[in-house]
Amino acid sequence: MTFVRVKLKLESMAPGTTLRIRLNAGEPLENLPRSLQEEGCRVVSLASDGDAFLLVVEK
């Protein structure tokens, strides 16, 4: 479900813009960065943010 929401948001964004995504540990953290790269996005950073993680991707 996370991937679908992120993909819909990215579709409304201009190329070259960045999106910050807050993720919980587990399946979203394991799969979302890889899936977004397969869709042509660039993972700018992935860092721990307390009890969650902050993923920054560029469209």
Protein backbone atom coordinates (compact mmCIF):
# COMPACT_ATOMS: atom_id res chain seq x y z
CA MET A 1 0.00 0.00 0.00
CA THR A 2 2.88 2.38 0.76
CA PHE A 3 4.28 1.93 -2.75
CA VAL A 4 0.94 2.80 -4.36
CA ARG A 5 0.58 6.02 -2.35
CA VAL A 6 4.16 7.08 -3.08
CA LYS A 7 3.82 6.27 -6.79
CA LEU A 8 0.65 8.37 -7.05
CA LYS A 9 2.40 11.30 -5.38
CA LEU A 10 5.43 10.98 -7.66
CA GLU A 11 3.21 11.03 -10.74
CA SER A 12 2.02 14.52 -9.79
CA MET A 13 5.57 15.83 -9.30
CA ALA A 14 7.92 17.38 -11.85
CA PRO A 15 11.08 15.50 -12.86
CA GLY A 16 14.07 16.41 -10.69
CA THR A 17 12.03 17.15 -7.57
CA THR A 18 12.51 15.26 -4.32
CA LEU A 19 10.06 13.53 -2.04
CA ARG A 20 10.62 12.73 1.64
CA ILE A 21 8.97 9.55 2.88
CA ARG A 22 8.80 8.47 6.52
CA LEU A 23 8.91 4.67 6.84
CA ASN A 24 8.57 2.17 9.63
CA ALA A 25 11.00 -0.72 9.82
CA GLY A 26 10.03 -3.96 8.16
CA GLU A 27 8.62 -4.66 4.72
CA PRO A 28 8.21 -1.03 3.53
CA LEU A 29 11.79 -0.23 4.47
CA GLU A 30 13.07 -3.34 2.71
CA ASN A 31 11.00 -3.05 -0.48
CA LEU A 32 10.18 0.59 -1.18
CA PRO A 33 13.68 1.88 -2.04
CA ARG A 34 14.24 -1.01 -4.46
CA SER A 35 10.82 -0.64 -6.05
CA LEU A 36 11.27 3.08 -6.56
CA GLN A 37 14.66 2.54 -8.19
CA GLU A 38 13.06 0.04 -10.55
CA GLU A 39 10.54 2.77 -11.45
CA GLY A 40 13.39 5.12 -12.40
CA CYS A 41 13.69 7.17 -9.22
CA ARG A 42 17.01 7.91 -7.53
CA VAL A 43 17.37 7.20 -3.82
CA VAL A 44 19.05 10.31 -2.43
CA SER A 45 19.28 9.15 1.17
CA LEU A 46 17.94 6.70 3.70
CA ALA A 47 18.55 7.52 7.35
CA SER A 48 17.25 6.59 10.76
CA ASP A 49 14.88 9.18 12.22
CA GLY A 50 14.27 8.03 15.78
CA ASP A 51 11.83 5.12 15.69
CA ALA A 52 11.33 5.38 11.92
CA PHE A 53 13.38 6.00 8.78
CA LEU A 54 13.47 8.92 6.37
CA LEU A 55 13.77 8.04 2.68
CA VAL A 56 14.46 10.84 0.21
CA VAL A 57 13.95 10.06 -3.47
CA GLU A 58 14.32 12.14 -6.62
CA LYS A 59 11.90 11.68 -9.46
